[in-house]
Amino acid sequence: MSAPVTPPHPAPSAIDERASTAGLRAVAGFEALKGAVVLLLGLTLFILHRHAEDYAERLLYHLHMDPDRHFARAILNAALKLSDARLWTIAAATLTYCTVRFVEAWGLWNRRVWAEWFALLSGAMYLPWEILKVSERADWERIGVLAVNIVIVLYMLEVRIRGCSTLTGCEEPGETQTRP
């Protein structure tokens, strides 16, 4: 009889025992907040879509926005072009975005390694777009969004670098790596 073959390194844990629970939960809360805001906006649009143009005009009036400004015209134009097909497309996109954000938030809240990687990659994916927007017009809102995203990406990168201490893979908590 032959002895069972054991791998040289055990499989990495699905739960990150090293990362700060508070840090991961802060990022998870932020991701859940983004999902909730988009869900709320999507539901509002879905409920009010029949009177979208009227609501858009009222919103711009209450926000004291000049209807001749680019952003205000974009809102009014979108309200005018809101068809049933477009509404269902927006609903599907909203549902997809919210699902991704809520799954990511759940994974981070529960300290899952896959969620850390996902948060790092999805946050980094937005950086070129946000840098482009800031380069087009630098305002406090765009700079703030970029800064928050950079902080999250750097934090998640630091979490993953600490989690993977060697080039050959991730170690289990408490495991010491020996070189042959």
C-alpha atoms as a PDB file:
ATOM      1  CA  MET A   1       0.000   0.000   0.000  1.00  0.00           C
ATOM      2  CA  SER A   2       1.183   3.434  -0.814  1.00  0.00           C
ATOM      3  CA  ALA A   3       0.810   6.410   1.475  1.00  0.00           C
ATOM      4  CA  PRO A   4      -1.607   9.140   0.398  1.00  0.00           C
ATOM      5  CA  VAL A   5       0.045  11.950  -1.495  1.00  0.00           C
ATOM      6  CA  THR A   6      -0.168  15.299   0.239  1.00  0.00           C
ATOM      7  CA  PRO A   7       0.383  18.519  -1.621  1.00  0.00           C
ATOM      8  CA  PRO A   8       3.490  20.512  -0.639  1.00  0.00           C
ATOM      9  CA  HIS A   9       1.308  23.423   0.467  1.00  0.00           C
ATOM     10  CA  PRO A  10      -2.258  23.145   1.699  1.00  0.00           C
ATOM     11  CA  ALA A  11      -4.946  25.012  -0.232  1.00  0.00           C
ATOM     12  CA  PRO A  12      -5.357  28.615   0.897  1.00  0.00           C
ATOM     13  CA  SER A  13      -8.200  29.401   3.234  1.00  0.00           C
ATOM     14  CA  ALA A  14     -11.359  30.915   1.794  1.00  0.00           C
ATOM     15  CA  ILE A  15     -11.514  33.250   4.797  1.00  0.00           C
ATOM     16  CA  ASP A  16      -8.852  35.895   5.344  1.00  0.00           C
ATOM     17  CA  GLU A  17      -7.825  35.683   8.986  1.00  0.00           C
ATOM     18  CA  ARG A  18      -5.069  38.291   8.608  1.00  0.00           C
ATOM     19  CA  ALA A  19      -6.983  41.282   7.248  1.00  0.00           C
ATOM     20  CA  SER A  20      -8.568  43.872   9.485  1.00  0.00           C
ATOM     21  CA  THR A  21     -12.237  43.111  10.027  1.00  0.00           C
ATOM     22  CA  ALA A  22     -12.967  46.817  10.502  1.00  0.00           C
ATOM     23  CA  GLY A  23     -11.223  47.766   7.250  1.00  0.00           C
ATOM     24  CA  LEU A  24     -12.951  45.086   5.196  1.00  0.00           C
ATOM     25  CA  ARG A  25     -16.312  45.928   6.740  1.00  0.00           C
ATOM     26  CA  ALA A  26     -15.814  49.627   5.968  1.00  0.00           C
ATOM     27  CA  VAL A  27     -15.232  48.792   2.303  1.00  0.00           C
ATOM     28  CA  ALA A  28     -18.164  46.345   2.403  1.00  0.00           C
ATOM     29  CA  GLY A  29     -20.429  49.045   3.816  1.00  0.00           C
ATOM     30  CA  PHE A  30     -19.353  51.460   1.097  1.00  0.00           C
ATOM     31  CA  GLU A  31     -20.031  48.875  -1.623  1.00  0.00           C
ATOM     32  CA  ALA A  32     -23.435  48.063  -0.124  1.00  0.00           C
ATOM     33  CA  LEU A  33     -24.229  51.791   0.030  1.00  0.00           C
ATOM     34  CA  LYS A  34     -23.375  52.172  -3.674  1.00  0.00           C
ATOM     35  CA  GLY A  35     -25.649  49.243  -4.490  1.00  0.00           C
ATOM     36  CA  ALA A  36     -28.469  50.623  -2.343  1.00  0.00           C
ATOM     37  CA  VAL A  37     -28.255  54.101  -3.915  1.00  0.00           C
ATOM     38  CA  VAL A  38     -28.374  52.678  -7.448  1.00  0.00           C
ATOM     39  CA  LEU A  39     -31.255  50.382  -6.458  1.00  0.00           C
ATOM     40  CA  LEU A  40     -33.167  53.316  -4.979  1.00  0.00           C
ATOM     41  CA  LEU A  41     -32.575  55.428  -8.096  1.00  0.00           C
ATOM     42  CA  GLY A  42     -33.609  52.536 -10.344  1.00  0.00           C
ATOM     43  CA  LEU A  43     -36.800  51.896  -8.377  1.00  0.00           C
ATOM     44  CA  THR A  44     -37.631  55.599  -8.393  1.00  0.00           C
ATOM     45  CA  LEU A  45     -37.179  55.760 -12.157  1.00  0.00           C
ATOM     46  CA  PHE A  46     -39.261  52.621 -12.620  1.00  0.00           C
ATOM     47  CA  ILE A  47     -42.115  54.006 -10.506  1.00  0.00           C
ATOM     48  CA  LEU A  48     -42.038  57.530 -11.956  1.00  0.00           C
ATOM     49  CA  HIS A  49     -41.179  56.736 -15.575  1.00  0.00           C
ATOM     50  CA  ARG A  50     -44.566  57.791 -16.996  1.00  0.00           C
ATOM     51  CA  HIS A  51     -43.993  61.355 -15.787  1.00  0.00           C
ATOM     52  CA  ALA A  52     -40.222  61.394 -16.184  1.00  0.00           C
ATOM     53  CA  GLU A  53     -40.105  64.665 -18.109  1.00  0.00           C
ATOM     54  CA  ASP A  54     -42.229  66.507 -15.519  1.00  0.00           C
ATOM     55  CA  TYR A  55     -40.157  65.141 -12.634  1.00  0.00           C
ATOM     56  CA  ALA A  56     -36.909  66.003 -14.398  1.00  0.00           C
ATOM     57  CA  GLU A  57     -38.031  69.593 -14.894  1.00  0.00           C
ATOM     58  CA  ARG A  58     -39.133  69.861 -11.234  1.00  0.00           C
ATOM     59  CA  LEU A  59     -35.870  68.355 -10.042  1.00  0.00           C
ATOM     60  CA  LEU A  60     -33.842  70.855 -12.039  1.00  0.00           C
ATOM     61  CA  TYR A  61     -36.020  73.699 -10.739  1.00  0.00           C
ATOM     62  CA  HIS A  62     -35.584  72.607  -7.101  1.00  0.00           C
ATOM     63  CA  LEU A  63     -31.847  72.215  -7.580  1.00  0.00           C
ATOM     64  CA  HIS A  64     -31.715  75.705  -9.115  1.00  0.00           C
ATOM     65  CA  MET A  65     -30.020  74.313 -12.209  1.00  0.00           C
ATOM     66  CA  ASP A  66     -30.066  76.313 -15.399  1.00  0.00           C
ATOM     67  CA  PRO A  67     -31.921  74.239 -18.054  1.00  0.00           C
ATOM     68  CA  ASP A  68     -29.411  75.465 -20.634  1.00  0.00           C
ATOM     69  CA  ARG A  69     -26.479  73.780 -18.869  1.00  0.00           C
ATOM     70  CA  HIS A  70     -25.099  70.572 -20.381  1.00  0.00           C
ATOM     71  CA  PHE A  71     -25.952  68.367 -17.412  1.00  0.00           C
ATOM     72  CA  ALA A  72     -29.502  69.707 -17.171  1.00  0.00           C
ATOM     73  CA  ARG A  73     -30.062  69.211 -20.907  1.00  0.00           C
ATOM     74  CA  ALA A  74     -28.765  65.644 -20.595  1.00  0.00           C
ATOM     75  CA  ILE A  75     -31.286  64.905 -17.832  1.00  0.00           C
ATOM     76  CA  LEU A  76     -34.168  66.402 -19.807  1.00  0.00           C
ATOM     77  CA  ASN A  77     -33.105  64.600 -22.982  1.00  0.00           C
ATOM     78  CA  ALA A  78     -32.907  61.270 -21.142  1.00  0.00           C
ATOM     79  CA  ALA A  79     -36.387  61.851 -19.678  1.00  0.00           C
ATOM     80  CA  LEU A  80     -37.775  62.592 -23.153  1.00  0.00           C
ATOM     81  CA  LYS A  81     -36.272  59.450 -24.691  1.00  0.00           C
ATOM     82  CA  LEU A  82     -37.396  57.079 -21.935  1.00  0.00           C
ATOM     83  CA  SER A  83     -39.196  54.271 -23.758  1.00  0.00           C
ATOM     84  CA  ASP A  84     -40.373  50.952 -22.342  1.00  0.00           C
ATOM     85  CA  ALA A  85     -37.464  49.115 -23.973  1.00  0.00           C
ATOM     86  CA  ARG A  86     -34.975  51.610 -22.561  1.00  0.00           C
ATOM     87  CA  LEU A  87     -36.638  51.391 -19.142  1.00  0.00           C
ATOM     88  CA  TRP A  88     -36.282  47.594 -19.082  1.00  0.00           C
ATOM     89  CA  THR A  89     -32.653  47.899 -20.181  1.00  0.00           C
ATOM     90  CA  ILE A  90     -32.001  50.341 -17.350  1.00  0.00           C
ATOM     91  CA  ALA A  91     -33.807  48.011 -14.931  1.00  0.00           C
ATOM     92  CA  ALA A  92     -31.652  45.050 -16.013  1.00  0.00           C
ATOM     93  CA  ALA A  93     -28.450  47.089 -15.739  1.00  0.00           C
ATOM     94  CA  THR A  94     -29.517  48.392 -12.321  1.00  0.00           C
ATOM     95  CA  LEU A  95     -30.310  44.900 -11.062  1.00  0.00           C
ATOM     96  CA  THR A  96     -26.990  43.552 -12.363  1.00  0.00           C
ATOM     97  CA  TYR A  97     -24.967  46.376 -10.800  1.00  0.00           C
ATOM     98  CA  CYS A  98     -26.754  46.071  -7.452  1.00  0.00           C
ATOM     99  CA  THR A  99     -26.322  42.298  -7.373  1.00  0.00           C
ATOM    100  CA  VAL A 100     -22.591  42.628  -8.012  1.00  0.00           C
ATOM    101  CA  ARG A 101     -22.200  45.312  -5.314  1.00  0.00           C
ATOM    102  CA  PHE A 102     -24.255  43.360  -2.728  1.00  0.00           C
ATOM    103  CA  VAL A 103     -22.392  40.085  -3.402  1.00  0.00           C
ATOM    104  CA  GLU A 104     -19.061  41.918  -3.113  1.00  0.00           C
ATOM    105  CA  ALA A 105     -20.211  43.575   0.123  1.00  0.00           C
ATOM    106  CA  TRP A 106     -21.316  40.215   1.577  1.00  0.00           C
ATOM    107  CA  GLY A 107     -17.980  38.643   0.676  1.00  0.00           C
ATOM    108  CA  LEU A 108     -15.961  41.472   2.205  1.00  0.00           C
ATOM    109  CA  TRP A 109     -18.129  41.588   5.329  1.00  0.00           C
ATOM    110  CA  ASN A 110     -17.473  37.863   5.799  1.00  0.00           C
ATOM    111  CA  ARG A 111     -13.751  38.260   5.003  1.00  0.00           C
ATOM    112  CA  ARG A 112     -13.748  36.095   1.880  1.00  0.00           C
ATOM    113  CA  VAL A 113     -10.523  36.112  -0.120  1.00  0.00           C
ATOM    114  CA  TRP A 114     -12.367  36.011  -3.463  1.00  0.00           C
ATOM    115  CA  ALA A 115     -14.195  39.222  -2.488  1.00  0.00           C
ATOM    116  CA  GLU A 116     -10.901  40.942  -1.681  1.00  0.00           C
ATOM    117  CA  TRP A 117      -9.585  40.085  -5.145  1.00  0.00           C
ATOM    118  CA  PHE A 118     -12.877  41.123  -6.702  1.00  0.00           C
ATOM    119  CA  ALA A 119     -12.876  44.468  -4.867  1.00  0.00           C
ATOM    120  CA  LEU A 120      -9.280  45.113  -5.927  1.00  0.00           C
ATOM    121  CA  LEU A 121      -9.928  44.302  -9.582  1.00  0.00           C
ATOM    122  CA  SER A 122     -13.304  46.018  -9.886  1.00  0.00           C
ATOM    123  CA  GLY A 123     -12.000  49.156  -8.169  1.00  0.00           C
ATOM    124  CA  ALA A 124      -8.890  49.239 -10.347  1.00  0.00           C
ATOM    125  CA  MET A 125     -11.057  48.810 -13.443  1.00  0.00           C
ATOM    126  CA  TYR A 126     -12.772  52.156 -12.750  1.00  0.00           C
ATOM    127  CA  LEU A 127      -9.546  54.131 -12.191  1.00  0.00           C
ATOM    128  CA  PRO A 128      -8.771  54.931 -15.864  1.00  0.00           C
ATOM    129  CA  TRP A 129     -12.344  56.153 -16.415  1.00  0.00           C
ATOM    130  CA  GLU A 130     -12.232  58.325 -13.289  1.00  0.00           C
ATOM    131  CA  ILE A 131      -8.795  59.743 -14.205  1.00  0.00           C
ATOM    132  CA  LEU A 132     -10.147  60.602 -17.656  1.00  0.00           C
ATOM    133  CA  LYS A 133     -13.153  62.373 -16.113  1.00  0.00           C
ATOM    134  CA  VAL A 134     -10.917  64.403 -13.778  1.00  0.00           C
ATOM    135  CA  SER A 135      -8.638  65.325 -16.685  1.00  0.00           C
ATOM    136  CA  GLU A 136     -11.660  66.527 -18.689  1.00  0.00           C
ATOM    137  CA  ARG A 137     -12.941  68.712 -15.869  1.00  0.00           C
ATOM    138  CA  ALA A 138     -11.493  68.698 -12.387  1.00  0.00           C
ATOM    139  CA  ASP A 139     -14.169  69.451  -9.801  1.00  0.00           C
ATOM    140  CA  TRP A 140     -14.483  68.409  -6.172  1.00  0.00           C
ATOM    141  CA  GLU A 141     -16.991  65.670  -6.905  1.00  0.00           C
ATOM    142  CA  ARG A 142     -14.834  63.929  -9.512  1.00  0.00           C
ATOM    143  CA  ILE A 143     -11.655  64.372  -7.486  1.00  0.00           C
ATOM    144  CA  GLY A 144     -13.435  62.998  -4.407  1.00  0.00           C
ATOM    145  CA  VAL A 145     -14.708  59.917  -6.246  1.00  0.00           C
ATOM    146  CA  LEU A 146     -11.230  59.302  -7.661  1.00  0.00           C
ATOM    147  CA  ALA A 147      -9.593  59.755  -4.242  1.00  0.00           C
ATOM    148  CA  VAL A 148     -12.004  57.371  -2.500  1.00  0.00           C
ATOM    149  CA  ASN A 149     -11.512  54.768  -5.205  1.00  0.00           C
ATOM    150  CA  ILE A 150      -7.717  55.093  -5.035  1.00  0.00           C
ATOM    151  CA  VAL A 151      -7.809  54.639  -1.245  1.00  0.00           C
ATOM    152  CA  ILE A 152      -9.977  51.514  -1.591  1.00  0.00           C
ATOM    153  CA  VAL A 153      -7.814  50.030  -4.351  1.00  0.00           C
ATOM    154  CA  LEU A 154      -4.603  50.686  -2.396  1.00  0.00           C
ATOM    155  CA  TYR A 155      -6.122  49.226   0.768  1.00  0.00           C
ATOM    156  CA  MET A 156      -7.316  46.092  -1.045  1.00  0.00           C
ATOM    157  CA  LEU A 157      -3.905  45.776  -2.739  1.00  0.00           C
ATOM    158  CA  GLU A 158      -2.207  45.989   0.645  1.00  0.00           C
ATOM    159  CA  VAL A 159      -4.600  43.350   2.057  1.00  0.00           C
ATOM    160  CA  ARG A 160      -3.856  40.962  -0.808  1.00  0.00           C
ATOM    161  CA  ILE A 161      -0.089  41.582  -0.687  1.00  0.00           C
ATOM    162  CA  ARG A 162      -0.104  40.760   3.027  1.00  0.00           C
ATOM    163  CA  GLY A 163      -2.257  37.708   2.311  1.00  0.00           C
ATOM    164  CA  CYS A 164       0.142  36.385  -0.307  1.00  0.00           C
ATOM    165  CA  SER A 165       3.570  36.545   1.251  1.00  0.00           C
ATOM    166  CA  THR A 166       5.450  34.494  -1.339  1.00  0.00           C
ATOM    167  CA  LEU A 167       5.544  34.357  -5.099  1.00  0.00           C
ATOM    168  CA  THR A 168       4.503  30.694  -5.033  1.00  0.00           C
ATOM    169  CA  GLY A 169       1.154  31.290  -3.384  1.00  0.00           C
ATOM    170  CA  CYS A 170      -0.753  32.261  -0.322  1.00  0.00           C
ATOM    171  CA  GLU A 171       0.067  30.803   3.042  1.00  0.00           C
ATOM    172  CA  GLU A 172      -2.394  29.580   5.606  1.00  0.00           C
ATOM    173  CA  PRO A 173      -2.593  31.660   8.803  1.00  0.00           C
ATOM    174  CA  GLY A 174       0.084  30.444  11.199  1.00  0.00           C
ATOM    175  CA  GLU A 175       1.904  28.463   8.496  1.00  0.00           C
ATOM    176  CA  THR A 176       5.587  29.133   8.052  1.00  0.00           C
ATOM    177  CA  GLN A 177       7.115  28.789   4.631  1.00  0.00           C
ATOM    178  CA  THR A 178      10.282  26.690   4.426  1.00  0.00           C
ATOM    179  CA  ARG A 179      12.477  26.635   1.371  1.00  0.00           C
ATOM    180  CA  PRO A 180      14.097  23.367   0.317  1.00  0.00           C
END
